[in-house]
Amino acid sequence: MTDSPQGDPSQVAHQDDGICRILALDGGGAKGFYTLGVLKEIEAMLGCPLHQRFDLVFGTSTGAIIAALIALGYEIDPIHDLYKSHVPNIMARKGAAAKTAALQNLAGEVFGDKTFDDVLTGIGIVATRWATEKPMIFKASVAQAHGRKATFKPGFGVSIADAVQASCSAYPFFERKIVTTSDGNRIELIDGGYCANNPTLFAIADATAALNKERKDIRVVNVGVGIYPEPKPGLLMKIAKKWLAVQLLQKTLEINTQSLDQLREVLFKDVATIRISDTFERPEMATDLMEHDLDKLNMLRQCGSESFAARETQLKELLL
């Protein structure tokens, strides 16, 4: 590895060593600011944009937005700028229709007409089929297909904007998303967090079963969104019972995340993995996935940076 000029992460060249490196990003709404804090530090440590070092980048919900942008070649600072501009606005909207419109705006503005043919590394965007209650994972490479390779279409022919919006559609706070595949199938989708808020297992399955990588040759970094105290509801929230619904959704996603991570430890305990998602118990850290206070979100990003620091040595050993 060569040294990179300070502030220019694109100048480091990494040799191909046969290792499959996976980056898996959890869902968690606005708490994705924590994820960005972690990833900023990893990017600086590696000295290159993340798509140049990771062979597979999987994401669910807010993790899907970040994963897609990474796969398209974005560095973390521009992604953070997009989050600051859009996420508080989306989460502050009242009602599912308004939130959905703002999310669609974000997806259209950020991704434009980009398709899965445009990505620079392996990708997986996780959504959930409403009718059949099964996952739908948008991928770019036929090498990641588990069967039906002859009819494989990158992202099922769906745009990145639509796939990401589907992955982020946390029903009932967002409306369900209908996508149309290249085969003309109309499929109704909701947030990928309902089936795999932590997408690590799906990514490892691609590496082992589709790409035929040996377990000893796989390295996984799984970044969550942190765990925080629950915010106290205001009077209007109590009256509307919205607070209980947010609590239930968040609890559902956290149970899903922890269950999948426990299963990963059982099935793939021999795959070198670092999970980053710390618990922060200070009362001032109280937040949830609908947070729209930019000062609070900046605190989450700082927490992500601190979480990286606690694992910096292990990450260097895993990735460099």
C-alpha atoms as a PDB file:
ATOM      1  CA  MET A   1       0.000   0.000   0.000  1.00  0.00           C
ATOM      2  CA  THR A   2       1.290   3.464  -0.844  1.00  0.00           C
ATOM      3  CA  ASP A   3       0.905   6.576   1.229  1.00  0.00           C
ATOM      4  CA  SER A   4      -1.880   9.013   0.371  1.00  0.00           C
ATOM      5  CA  PRO A   5      -1.551  12.795   0.400  1.00  0.00           C
ATOM      6  CA  GLN A   6      -3.459  14.101   3.431  1.00  0.00           C
ATOM      7  CA  GLY A   7      -7.053  14.937   2.541  1.00  0.00           C
ATOM      8  CA  ASP A   8      -6.944  13.003  -0.741  1.00  0.00           C
ATOM      9  CA  PRO A   9      -8.168   9.450  -0.039  1.00  0.00           C
ATOM     10  CA  SER A  10      -8.377   8.538  -3.720  1.00  0.00           C
ATOM     11  CA  GLN A  11      -4.619   8.159  -4.176  1.00  0.00           C
ATOM     12  CA  VAL A  12      -4.015   4.927  -2.224  1.00  0.00           C
ATOM     13  CA  ALA A  13      -3.758   1.743  -4.295  1.00  0.00           C
ATOM     14  CA  HIS A  14      -4.566  -1.595  -2.630  1.00  0.00           C
ATOM     15  CA  GLN A  15      -3.272  -4.806  -4.156  1.00  0.00           C
ATOM     16  CA  ASP A  16      -5.689  -7.640  -4.926  1.00  0.00           C
ATOM     17  CA  ASP A  17      -4.964 -10.218  -2.239  1.00  0.00           C
ATOM     18  CA  GLY A  18      -7.863 -12.599  -2.913  1.00  0.00           C
ATOM     19  CA  ILE A  19      -9.728 -11.491   0.224  1.00  0.00           C
ATOM     20  CA  CYS A  20     -13.431 -10.701  -0.085  1.00  0.00           C
ATOM     21  CA  ARG A  21     -14.199  -7.667   2.063  1.00  0.00           C
ATOM     22  CA  ILE A  22     -17.836  -7.032   2.989  1.00  0.00           C
ATOM     23  CA  LEU A  23     -19.386  -3.840   4.347  1.00  0.00           C
ATOM     24  CA  ALA A  24     -22.891  -4.367   5.777  1.00  0.00           C
ATOM     25  CA  LEU A  25     -24.910  -1.359   6.964  1.00  0.00           C
ATOM     26  CA  ASP A  26     -27.940  -1.645   9.260  1.00  0.00           C
ATOM     27  CA  GLY A  27     -31.178   0.267   8.966  1.00  0.00           C
ATOM     28  CA  GLY A  28     -32.243   2.826  11.547  1.00  0.00           C
ATOM     29  CA  GLY A  29     -33.671   5.956   9.950  1.00  0.00           C
ATOM     30  CA  ALA A  30     -32.038   9.207  10.993  1.00  0.00           C
ATOM     31  CA  LYS A  31     -29.627   7.312  13.216  1.00  0.00           C
ATOM     32  CA  GLY A  32     -27.634   6.634  10.060  1.00  0.00           C
ATOM     33  CA  PHE A  33     -25.610   9.693  11.102  1.00  0.00           C
ATOM     34  CA  TYR A  34     -23.854   7.333  13.538  1.00  0.00           C
ATOM     35  CA  THR A  35     -23.008   5.046  10.603  1.00  0.00           C
ATOM     36  CA  LEU A  36     -21.474   7.965   8.731  1.00  0.00           C
ATOM     37  CA  GLY A  37     -19.295   8.802  11.735  1.00  0.00           C
ATOM     38  CA  VAL A  38     -17.867   5.292  11.695  1.00  0.00           C
ATOM     39  CA  LEU A  39     -17.420   5.191   7.923  1.00  0.00           C
ATOM     40  CA  LYS A  40     -15.646   8.555   7.762  1.00  0.00           C
ATOM     41  CA  GLU A  41     -12.920   7.144   9.995  1.00  0.00           C
ATOM     42  CA  ILE A  42     -12.688   3.842   8.103  1.00  0.00           C
ATOM     43  CA  GLU A  43     -12.349   5.715   4.817  1.00  0.00           C
ATOM     44  CA  ALA A  44      -9.542   7.866   6.233  1.00  0.00           C
ATOM     45  CA  MET A  45      -7.785   4.801   7.626  1.00  0.00           C
ATOM     46  CA  LEU A  46      -7.955   2.997   4.277  1.00  0.00           C
ATOM     47  CA  GLY A  47      -6.876   6.081   2.347  1.00  0.00           C
ATOM     48  CA  CYS A  48      -9.329   5.491  -0.502  1.00  0.00           C
ATOM     49  CA  PRO A  49     -13.050   5.636  -1.279  1.00  0.00           C
ATOM     50  CA  LEU A  50     -14.773   2.639   0.295  1.00  0.00           C
ATOM     51  CA  HIS A  51     -15.896   1.113  -3.002  1.00  0.00           C
ATOM     52  CA  GLN A  52     -12.234   0.546  -3.843  1.00  0.00           C
ATOM     53  CA  ARG A  53     -11.654  -1.653  -0.789  1.00  0.00           C
ATOM     54  CA  PHE A  54     -14.968  -3.454  -0.246  1.00  0.00           C
ATOM     55  CA  ASP A  55     -16.078  -6.127  -2.719  1.00  0.00           C
ATOM     56  CA  LEU A  56     -19.656  -6.238  -1.436  1.00  0.00           C
ATOM     57  CA  VAL A  57     -21.570  -3.348   0.122  1.00  0.00           C
ATOM     58  CA  PHE A  58     -24.985  -4.313   1.519  1.00  0.00           C
ATOM     59  CA  GLY A  59     -27.459  -1.934   3.103  1.00  0.00           C
ATOM     60  CA  THR A  60     -30.939  -1.835   4.577  1.00  0.00           C
ATOM     61  CA  SER A  61     -33.107   1.308   4.828  1.00  0.00           C
ATOM     62  CA  THR A  62     -30.825   4.227   5.812  1.00  0.00           C
ATOM     63  CA  GLY A  63     -27.972   1.778   5.256  1.00  0.00           C
ATOM     64  CA  ALA A  64     -29.276   1.260   1.714  1.00  0.00           C
ATOM     65  CA  ILE A  65     -28.937   4.972   0.932  1.00  0.00           C
ATOM     66  CA  ILE A  66     -25.358   4.993   2.182  1.00  0.00           C
ATOM     67  CA  ALA A  67     -24.481   1.663   0.528  1.00  0.00           C
ATOM     68  CA  ALA A  68     -25.819   2.796  -2.855  1.00  0.00           C
ATOM     69  CA  LEU A  69     -23.894   6.056  -2.731  1.00  0.00           C
ATOM     70  CA  ILE A  70     -20.696   4.257  -1.736  1.00  0.00           C
ATOM     71  CA  ALA A  71     -21.150   1.784  -4.588  1.00  0.00           C
ATOM     72  CA  LEU A  72     -21.590   4.709  -6.996  1.00  0.00           C
ATOM     73  CA  GLY A  73     -18.205   6.087  -5.936  1.00  0.00           C
ATOM     74  CA  TYR A  74     -19.182   8.722  -3.358  1.00  0.00           C
ATOM     75  CA  GLU A  75     -16.832   9.513  -0.494  1.00  0.00           C
ATOM     76  CA  ILE A  76     -18.318   9.924   2.986  1.00  0.00           C
ATOM     77  CA  ASP A  77     -18.182  13.715   3.366  1.00  0.00           C
ATOM     78  CA  PRO A  78     -20.516  14.331   0.376  1.00  0.00           C
ATOM     79  CA  ILE A  79     -22.886  11.646   1.730  1.00  0.00           C
ATOM     80  CA  HIS A  80     -22.887  13.431   5.085  1.00  0.00           C
ATOM     81  CA  ASP A  81     -23.715  16.710   3.334  1.00  0.00           C
ATOM     82  CA  LEU A  82     -26.676  15.031   1.626  1.00  0.00           C
ATOM     83  CA  TYR A  83     -27.882  13.647   4.965  1.00  0.00           C
ATOM     84  CA  LYS A  84     -27.686  17.067   6.614  1.00  0.00           C
ATOM     85  CA  SER A  85     -29.671  18.597   3.751  1.00  0.00           C
ATOM     86  CA  HIS A  86     -32.389  15.967   3.466  1.00  0.00           C
ATOM     87  CA  VAL A  87     -32.844  13.681   6.471  1.00  0.00           C
ATOM     88  CA  PRO A  88     -34.081  16.223   9.078  1.00  0.00           C
ATOM     89  CA  ASN A  89     -36.543  17.564   6.507  1.00  0.00           C
ATOM     90  CA  ILE A  90     -37.926  14.088   5.784  1.00  0.00           C
ATOM     91  CA  MET A  91     -38.279  13.082   9.423  1.00  0.00           C
ATOM     92  CA  ALA A  92     -39.921  16.370  10.428  1.00  0.00           C
ATOM     93  CA  ARG A  93     -42.761  15.944   7.924  1.00  0.00           C
ATOM     94  CA  LYS A  94     -46.201  15.139   9.323  1.00  0.00           C
ATOM     95  CA  GLY A  95     -47.972  12.075   7.989  1.00  0.00           C
ATOM     96  CA  ALA A  96     -46.956   9.175   5.752  1.00  0.00           C
ATOM     97  CA  ALA A  97     -47.810  10.929   2.486  1.00  0.00           C
ATOM     98  CA  ALA A  98     -45.612  13.942   3.270  1.00  0.00           C
ATOM     99  CA  LYS A  99     -42.719  11.785   4.470  1.00  0.00           C
ATOM    100  CA  THR A 100     -42.990   9.583   1.376  1.00  0.00           C
ATOM    101  CA  ALA A 101     -42.991  12.582  -0.967  1.00  0.00           C
ATOM    102  CA  ALA A 102     -39.892  13.990   0.739  1.00  0.00           C
ATOM    103  CA  LEU A 103     -38.157  10.594   0.556  1.00  0.00           C
ATOM    104  CA  GLN A 104     -39.009  10.283  -3.141  1.00  0.00           C
ATOM    105  CA  ASN A 105     -37.619  13.775  -3.655  1.00  0.00           C
ATOM    106  CA  LEU A 106     -34.372  12.770  -1.971  1.00  0.00           C
ATOM    107  CA  ALA A 107     -34.065   9.585  -4.017  1.00  0.00           C
ATOM    108  CA  GLY A 108     -34.747  11.382  -7.288  1.00  0.00           C
ATOM    109  CA  GLU A 109     -32.415  14.290  -6.573  1.00  0.00           C
ATOM    110  CA  VAL A 110     -29.546  12.174  -5.282  1.00  0.00           C
ATOM    111  CA  PHE A 111     -29.668   9.181  -7.619  1.00  0.00           C
ATOM    112  CA  GLY A 112     -31.302  10.674 -10.718  1.00  0.00           C
ATOM    113  CA  ASP A 113     -31.574   8.062 -13.448  1.00  0.00           C
ATOM    114  CA  LYS A 114     -28.726   5.897 -12.145  1.00  0.00           C
ATOM    115  CA  THR A 115     -29.207   2.149 -12.544  1.00  0.00           C
ATOM    116  CA  PHE A 116     -27.495  -0.875 -11.102  1.00  0.00           C
ATOM    117  CA  ASP A 117     -25.299  -0.946 -14.208  1.00  0.00           C
ATOM    118  CA  ASP A 118     -23.588   2.179 -12.852  1.00  0.00           C
ATOM    119  CA  VAL A 119     -22.206   0.779  -9.576  1.00  0.00           C
ATOM    120  CA  LEU A 120     -18.469   0.306  -9.079  1.00  0.00           C
ATOM    121  CA  THR A 121     -18.545  -2.634  -6.659  1.00  0.00           C
ATOM    122  CA  GLY A 122     -20.845  -5.456  -5.563  1.00  0.00           C
ATOM    123  CA  ILE A 123     -24.045  -4.222  -3.956  1.00  0.00           C
ATOM    124  CA  GLY A 124     -27.112  -5.500  -2.140  1.00  0.00           C
ATOM    125  CA  ILE A 125     -30.136  -3.304  -1.334  1.00  0.00           C
ATOM    126  CA  VAL A 126     -32.620  -5.088   0.940  1.00  0.00           C
ATOM    127  CA  ALA A 127     -36.382  -4.486   0.729  1.00  0.00           C
ATOM    128  CA  THR A 128     -39.392  -6.563   1.833  1.00  0.00           C
ATOM    129  CA  ARG A 129     -42.177  -7.824  -0.420  1.00  0.00           C
ATOM    130  CA  TRP A 130     -45.513  -6.770   1.060  1.00  0.00           C
ATOM    131  CA  ALA A 131     -47.673  -9.511  -0.498  1.00  0.00           C
ATOM    132  CA  THR A 132     -45.401 -12.530   0.003  1.00  0.00           C
ATOM    133  CA  GLU A 133     -43.563 -11.309   3.119  1.00  0.00           C
ATOM    134  CA  LYS A 134     -40.196 -12.265   1.634  1.00  0.00           C
ATOM    135  CA  PRO A 135     -37.020 -10.262   1.027  1.00  0.00           C
ATOM    136  CA  MET A 136     -36.258  -8.692  -2.330  1.00  0.00           C
ATOM    137  CA  ILE A 137     -32.562  -7.896  -2.696  1.00  0.00           C
ATOM    138  CA  PHE A 138     -31.450  -5.619  -5.503  1.00  0.00           C
ATOM    139  CA  LYS A 139     -28.035  -6.587  -6.892  1.00  0.00           C
ATOM    140  CA  ALA A 140     -25.903  -5.478  -9.818  1.00  0.00           C
ATOM    141  CA  SER A 141     -23.861  -8.551 -10.708  1.00  0.00           C
ATOM    142  CA  VAL A 142     -25.062 -11.897 -12.037  1.00  0.00           C
ATOM    143  CA  ALA A 143     -22.201 -13.422 -10.046  1.00  0.00           C
ATOM    144  CA  GLN A 144     -24.267 -12.715  -6.912  1.00  0.00           C
ATOM    145  CA  ALA A 145     -27.334 -14.540  -8.222  1.00  0.00           C
ATOM    146  CA  HIS A 146     -28.515 -17.685  -6.442  1.00  0.00           C
ATOM    147  CA  GLY A 147     -30.033 -19.414  -9.483  1.00  0.00           C
ATOM    148  CA  ARG A 148     -32.003 -18.057 -12.469  1.00  0.00           C
ATOM    149  CA  LYS A 149     -28.793 -16.569 -13.858  1.00  0.00           C
ATOM    150  CA  ALA A 150     -29.987 -16.747 -17.466  1.00  0.00           C
ATOM    151  CA  THR A 151     -32.756 -14.222 -16.766  1.00  0.00           C
ATOM    152  CA  PHE A 152     -30.791 -12.052 -14.302  1.00  0.00           C
ATOM    153  CA  LYS A 153     -31.221  -8.305 -14.737  1.00  0.00           C
ATOM    154  CA  PRO A 154     -29.210  -5.813 -12.636  1.00  0.00           C
ATOM    155  CA  GLY A 155     -31.536  -4.564  -9.909  1.00  0.00           C
ATOM    156  CA  PHE A 156     -34.424  -6.439 -11.592  1.00  0.00           C
ATOM    157  CA  GLY A 157     -34.397  -3.532 -14.054  1.00  0.00           C
ATOM    158  CA  VAL A 158     -35.454  -1.120 -11.275  1.00  0.00           C
ATOM    159  CA  SER A 159     -33.665   2.225 -10.873  1.00  0.00           C
ATOM    160  CA  ILE A 160     -31.410   2.749  -7.855  1.00  0.00           C
ATOM    161  CA  ALA A 161     -33.676   5.597  -6.721  1.00  0.00           C
ATOM    162  CA  ASP A 162     -36.740   3.322  -6.607  1.00  0.00           C
ATOM    163  CA  ALA A 163     -34.870   0.426  -4.980  1.00  0.00           C
ATOM    164  CA  VAL A 164     -33.477   2.656  -2.239  1.00  0.00           C
ATOM    165  CA  GLN A 165     -36.853   4.295  -1.612  1.00  0.00           C
ATOM    166  CA  ALA A 166     -38.414   0.849  -1.267  1.00  0.00           C
ATOM    167  CA  SER A 167     -35.754  -0.201   1.235  1.00  0.00           C
ATOM    168  CA  CYS A 168     -36.488   2.950   3.296  1.00  0.00           C
ATOM    169  CA  SER A 169     -40.294   2.704   3.255  1.00  0.00           C
ATOM    170  CA  ALA A 170     -40.863   2.107   6.964  1.00  0.00           C
ATOM    171  CA  TYR A 171     -44.590   1.397   6.833  1.00  0.00           C
ATOM    172  CA  PRO A 172     -46.855   2.809   8.292  1.00  0.00           C
ATOM    173  CA  PHE A 173     -44.768   5.973   8.739  1.00  0.00           C
ATOM    174  CA  PHE A 174     -44.031   5.873   5.010  1.00  0.00           C
ATOM    175  CA  GLU A 175     -46.325   4.614   2.268  1.00  0.00           C
ATOM    176  CA  ARG A 176     -45.571   1.319   0.577  1.00  0.00           C
ATOM    177  CA  LYS A 177     -43.474   1.580  -2.592  1.00  0.00           C
ATOM    178  CA  ILE A 178     -44.527  -0.035  -5.874  1.00  0.00           C
ATOM    179  CA  VAL A 179     -41.727  -0.857  -8.323  1.00  0.00           C
ATOM    180  CA  THR A 180     -41.989  -2.221 -11.848  1.00  0.00           C
ATOM    181  CA  THR A 181     -39.345  -4.737 -12.906  1.00  0.00           C
ATOM    182  CA  SER A 182     -37.918  -5.212 -16.396  1.00  0.00           C
ATOM    183  CA  ASP A 183     -40.338  -8.150 -16.779  1.00  0.00           C
ATOM    184  CA  GLY A 184     -43.268  -5.817 -16.221  1.00  0.00           C
ATOM    185  CA  ASN A 185     -44.053  -7.160 -12.744  1.00  0.00           C
ATOM    186  CA  ARG A 186     -45.477  -4.613 -10.303  1.00  0.00           C
ATOM    187  CA  ILE A 187     -44.249  -5.405  -6.795  1.00  0.00           C
ATOM    188  CA  GLU A 188     -45.307  -3.645  -3.600  1.00  0.00           C
ATOM    189  CA  LEU A 189     -42.416  -3.214  -1.160  1.00  0.00           C
ATOM    190  CA  ILE A 190     -41.809  -1.967   2.366  1.00  0.00           C
ATOM    191  CA  ASP A 191     -38.736  -1.290   4.481  1.00  0.00           C
ATOM    192  CA  GLY A 192     -36.017  -3.931   4.302  1.00  0.00           C
ATOM    193  CA  GLY A 193     -35.737  -3.745   8.082  1.00  0.00           C
ATOM    194  CA  TYR A 194     -38.818  -5.935   8.432  1.00  0.00           C
ATOM    195  CA  CYS A 195     -36.891  -8.902   7.014  1.00  0.00           C
ATOM    196  CA  ALA A 196     -33.206  -8.031   7.571  1.00  0.00           C
ATOM    197  CA  ASN A 197     -32.454  -4.792   9.369  1.00  0.00           C
ATOM    198  CA  ASN A 198     -28.932  -6.171   9.638  1.00  0.00           C
ATOM    199  CA  PRO A 199     -28.048  -7.406   6.118  1.00  0.00           C
ATOM    200  CA  THR A 200     -24.810  -9.196   7.064  1.00  0.00           C
ATOM    201  CA  LEU A 201     -26.158 -12.732   6.651  1.00  0.00           C
ATOM    202  CA  PHE A 202     -27.351 -12.005   3.117  1.00  0.00           C
ATOM    203  CA  ALA A 203     -23.952 -10.553   2.226  1.00  0.00           C
ATOM    204  CA  ILE A 204     -22.047 -13.539   3.612  1.00  0.00           C
ATOM    205  CA  ALA A 205     -24.432 -15.862   1.750  1.00  0.00           C
ATOM    206  CA  ASP A 206     -23.502 -14.109  -1.491  1.00  0.00           C
ATOM    207  CA  ALA A 207     -19.789 -14.392  -0.732  1.00  0.00           C
ATOM    208  CA  THR A 208     -19.907 -18.085   0.162  1.00  0.00           C
ATOM    209  CA  ALA A 209     -22.742 -19.570  -1.909  1.00  0.00           C
ATOM    210  CA  ALA A 210     -22.667 -17.346  -5.019  1.00  0.00           C
ATOM    211  CA  LEU A 211     -19.097 -16.050  -5.263  1.00  0.00           C
ATOM    212  CA  ASN A 212     -17.689 -19.324  -3.857  1.00  0.00           C
ATOM    213  CA  LYS A 213     -15.312 -17.621  -1.444  1.00  0.00           C
ATOM    214  CA  GLU A 214     -13.739 -19.703   1.300  1.00  0.00           C
ATOM    215  CA  ARG A 215     -14.760 -18.578   4.768  1.00  0.00           C
ATOM    216  CA  LYS A 216     -11.134 -17.974   5.702  1.00  0.00           C
ATOM    217  CA  ASP A 217     -10.916 -15.474   2.829  1.00  0.00           C
ATOM    218  CA  ILE A 218     -13.851 -13.308   3.948  1.00  0.00           C
ATOM    219  CA  ARG A 219     -13.641 -10.182   6.115  1.00  0.00           C
ATOM    220  CA  VAL A 220     -16.802  -8.452   7.336  1.00  0.00           C
ATOM    221  CA  VAL A 221     -17.406  -5.021   8.811  1.00  0.00           C
ATOM    222  CA  ASN A 222     -20.995  -4.601  10.006  1.00  0.00           C
ATOM    223  CA  VAL A 223     -21.950  -1.071  11.080  1.00  0.00           C
ATOM    224  CA  GLY A 224     -25.130  -0.442  13.035  1.00  0.00           C
ATOM    225  CA  VAL A 225     -26.697   2.831  14.152  1.00  0.00           C
ATOM    226  CA  GLY A 226     -26.042   2.645  17.895  1.00  0.00           C
ATOM    227  CA  ILE A 227     -28.454   2.047  20.768  1.00  0.00           C
ATOM    228  CA  TYR A 228     -29.827   4.990  22.734  1.00  0.00           C
ATOM    229  CA  PRO A 229     -32.325   5.800  25.503  1.00  0.00           C
ATOM    230  CA  GLU A 230     -35.892   6.326  24.358  1.00  0.00           C
ATOM    231  CA  PRO A 231     -36.981   9.963  24.043  1.00  0.00           C
ATOM    232  CA  LYS A 232     -39.838  11.175  26.231  1.00  0.00           C
ATOM    233  CA  PRO A 233     -43.006  11.839  24.238  1.00  0.00           C
ATOM    234  CA  GLY A 234     -44.703  15.207  24.197  1.00  0.00           C
ATOM    235  CA  LEU A 235     -48.385  15.608  25.025  1.00  0.00           C
ATOM    236  CA  LEU A 236     -49.508  15.615  21.386  1.00  0.00           C
ATOM    237  CA  MET A 237     -47.503  12.469  20.659  1.00  0.00           C
ATOM    238  CA  LYS A 238     -49.182  10.705  23.576  1.00  0.00           C
ATOM    239  CA  ILE A 239     -52.627  11.741  22.434  1.00  0.00           C
ATOM    240  CA  ALA A 240     -51.995  10.576  18.874  1.00  0.00           C
ATOM    241  CA  LYS A 241     -50.461   7.305  20.101  1.00  0.00           C
ATOM    242  CA  LYS A 242     -47.775   7.916  17.508  1.00  0.00           C
ATOM    243  CA  TRP A 243     -45.071   7.526  20.130  1.00  0.00           C
ATOM    244  CA  LEU A 244     -46.140   3.948  20.875  1.00  0.00           C
ATOM    245  CA  ALA A 245     -46.111   3.138  17.171  1.00  0.00           C
ATOM    246  CA  VAL A 246     -42.588   4.540  16.792  1.00  0.00           C
ATOM    247  CA  GLN A 247     -41.512   2.539  19.848  1.00  0.00           C
ATOM    248  CA  LEU A 248     -42.976  -0.631  18.377  1.00  0.00           C
ATOM    249  CA  LEU A 249     -41.290  -0.112  15.014  1.00  0.00           C
ATOM    250  CA  GLN A 250     -37.946   0.627  16.631  1.00  0.00           C
ATOM    251  CA  LYS A 251     -38.242  -2.389  18.924  1.00  0.00           C
ATOM    252  CA  THR A 252     -39.142  -4.596  15.939  1.00  0.00           C
ATOM    253  CA  LEU A 253     -36.064  -3.437  14.027  1.00  0.00           C
ATOM    254  CA  GLU A 254     -33.757  -3.854  17.030  1.00  0.00           C
ATOM    255  CA  ILE A 255     -35.015  -7.377  17.730  1.00  0.00           C
ATOM    256  CA  ASN A 256     -34.541  -8.246  14.072  1.00  0.00           C
ATOM    257  CA  THR A 257     -31.013  -6.808  14.113  1.00  0.00           C
ATOM    258  CA  GLN A 258     -29.914  -8.639  17.249  1.00  0.00           C
ATOM    259  CA  SER A 259     -31.492 -11.923  16.160  1.00  0.00           C
ATOM    260  CA  LEU A 260     -29.711 -11.891  12.814  1.00  0.00           C
ATOM    261  CA  ASP A 261     -26.398 -11.019  14.441  1.00  0.00           C
ATOM    262  CA  GLN A 262     -26.778 -13.884  16.906  1.00  0.00           C
ATOM    263  CA  LEU A 263     -27.563 -16.234  14.013  1.00  0.00           C
ATOM    264  CA  ARG A 264     -24.513 -14.956  12.151  1.00  0.00           C
ATOM    265  CA  GLU A 265     -22.347 -15.797  15.160  1.00  0.00           C
ATOM    266  CA  VAL A 266     -23.707 -19.347  15.184  1.00  0.00           C
ATOM    267  CA  LEU A 267     -23.549 -20.060  11.448  1.00  0.00           C
ATOM    268  CA  PHE A 268     -20.451 -18.071  10.496  1.00  0.00           C
ATOM    269  CA  LYS A 269     -18.422 -17.816  13.690  1.00  0.00           C
ATOM    270  CA  ASP A 270     -15.309 -18.671  11.658  1.00  0.00           C
ATOM    271  CA  VAL A 271     -15.780 -15.662   9.338  1.00  0.00           C
ATOM    272  CA  ALA A 272     -13.704 -12.729  10.582  1.00  0.00           C
ATOM    273  CA  THR A 273     -16.281 -10.064  11.521  1.00  0.00           C
ATOM    274  CA  ILE A 274     -16.289  -6.783  13.391  1.00  0.00           C
ATOM    275  CA  ARG A 275     -19.662  -5.341  14.389  1.00  0.00           C
ATOM    276  CA  ILE A 276     -19.779  -1.667  15.363  1.00  0.00           C
ATOM    277  CA  SER A 277     -22.922  -0.475  17.133  1.00  0.00           C
ATOM    278  CA  ASP A 278     -22.352   0.749  20.676  1.00  0.00           C
ATOM    279  CA  THR A 279     -24.819   1.565  23.440  1.00  0.00           C
ATOM    280  CA  PHE A 280     -24.997   5.141  24.710  1.00  0.00           C
ATOM    281  CA  GLU A 281     -26.886   5.506  27.983  1.00  0.00           C
ATOM    282  CA  ARG A 282     -26.520   9.206  28.793  1.00  0.00           C
ATOM    283  CA  PRO A 283     -29.963  10.867  29.045  1.00  0.00           C
ATOM    284  CA  GLU A 284     -29.001  13.575  26.548  1.00  0.00           C
ATOM    285  CA  MET A 285     -28.493  10.853  23.932  1.00  0.00           C
ATOM    286  CA  ALA A 286     -32.190   9.910  23.926  1.00  0.00           C
ATOM    287  CA  THR A 287     -33.313   9.560  20.307  1.00  0.00           C
ATOM    288  CA  ASP A 288     -35.123   7.357  17.827  1.00  0.00           C
ATOM    289  CA  LEU A 289     -35.192   6.644  14.101  1.00  0.00           C
ATOM    290  CA  MET A 290     -37.427   9.692  13.439  1.00  0.00           C
ATOM    291  CA  GLU A 291     -34.959  12.202  14.959  1.00  0.00           C
ATOM    292  CA  HIS A 292     -34.785  15.523  13.077  1.00  0.00           C
ATOM    293  CA  ASP A 293     -32.768  17.727  15.451  1.00  0.00           C
ATOM    294  CA  LEU A 294     -29.549  18.365  13.516  1.00  0.00           C
ATOM    295  CA  ASP A 295     -27.590  19.050  16.704  1.00  0.00           C
ATOM    296  CA  LYS A 296     -28.605  15.657  18.071  1.00  0.00           C
ATOM    297  CA  LEU A 297     -27.791  13.986  14.766  1.00  0.00           C
ATOM    298  CA  ASN A 298     -24.352  15.563  14.818  1.00  0.00           C
ATOM    299  CA  MET A 299     -23.857  14.035  18.268  1.00  0.00           C
ATOM    300  CA  LEU A 300     -24.670  10.621  16.806  1.00  0.00           C
ATOM    301  CA  ARG A 301     -22.030  11.138  14.127  1.00  0.00           C
ATOM    302  CA  GLN A 302     -19.480  11.975  16.816  1.00  0.00           C
ATOM    303  CA  CYS A 303     -20.466   8.802  18.665  1.00  0.00           C
ATOM    304  CA  GLY A 304     -19.752   6.842  15.504  1.00  0.00           C
ATOM    305  CA  SER A 305     -16.276   8.325  15.367  1.00  0.00           C
ATOM    306  CA  GLU A 306     -15.698   7.300  18.988  1.00  0.00           C
ATOM    307  CA  SER A 307     -16.892   3.776  18.255  1.00  0.00           C
ATOM    308  CA  PHE A 308     -14.349   3.511  15.444  1.00  0.00           C
ATOM    309  CA  ALA A 309     -11.562   4.658  17.764  1.00  0.00           C
ATOM    310  CA  ALA A 310     -12.333   1.823  20.188  1.00  0.00           C
ATOM    311  CA  ARG A 311     -11.808  -0.725  17.379  1.00  0.00           C
ATOM    312  CA  GLU A 312      -9.200   0.979  15.237  1.00  0.00           C
ATOM    313  CA  THR A 313      -6.484  -1.621  15.829  1.00  0.00           C
ATOM    314  CA  GLN A 314      -8.788  -4.546  15.016  1.00  0.00           C
ATOM    315  CA  LEU A 315     -10.092  -2.786  11.894  1.00  0.00           C
ATOM    316  CA  LYS A 316      -6.571  -2.193  10.636  1.00  0.00           C
ATOM    317  CA  GLU A 317      -5.768  -5.867  11.096  1.00  0.00           C
ATOM    318  CA  LEU A 318      -8.980  -6.876   9.303  1.00  0.00           C
ATOM    319  CA  LEU A 319      -8.882  -4.487   6.348  1.00  0.00           C
ATOM    320  CA  LEU A 320      -5.271  -3.509   5.629  1.00  0.00           C
END
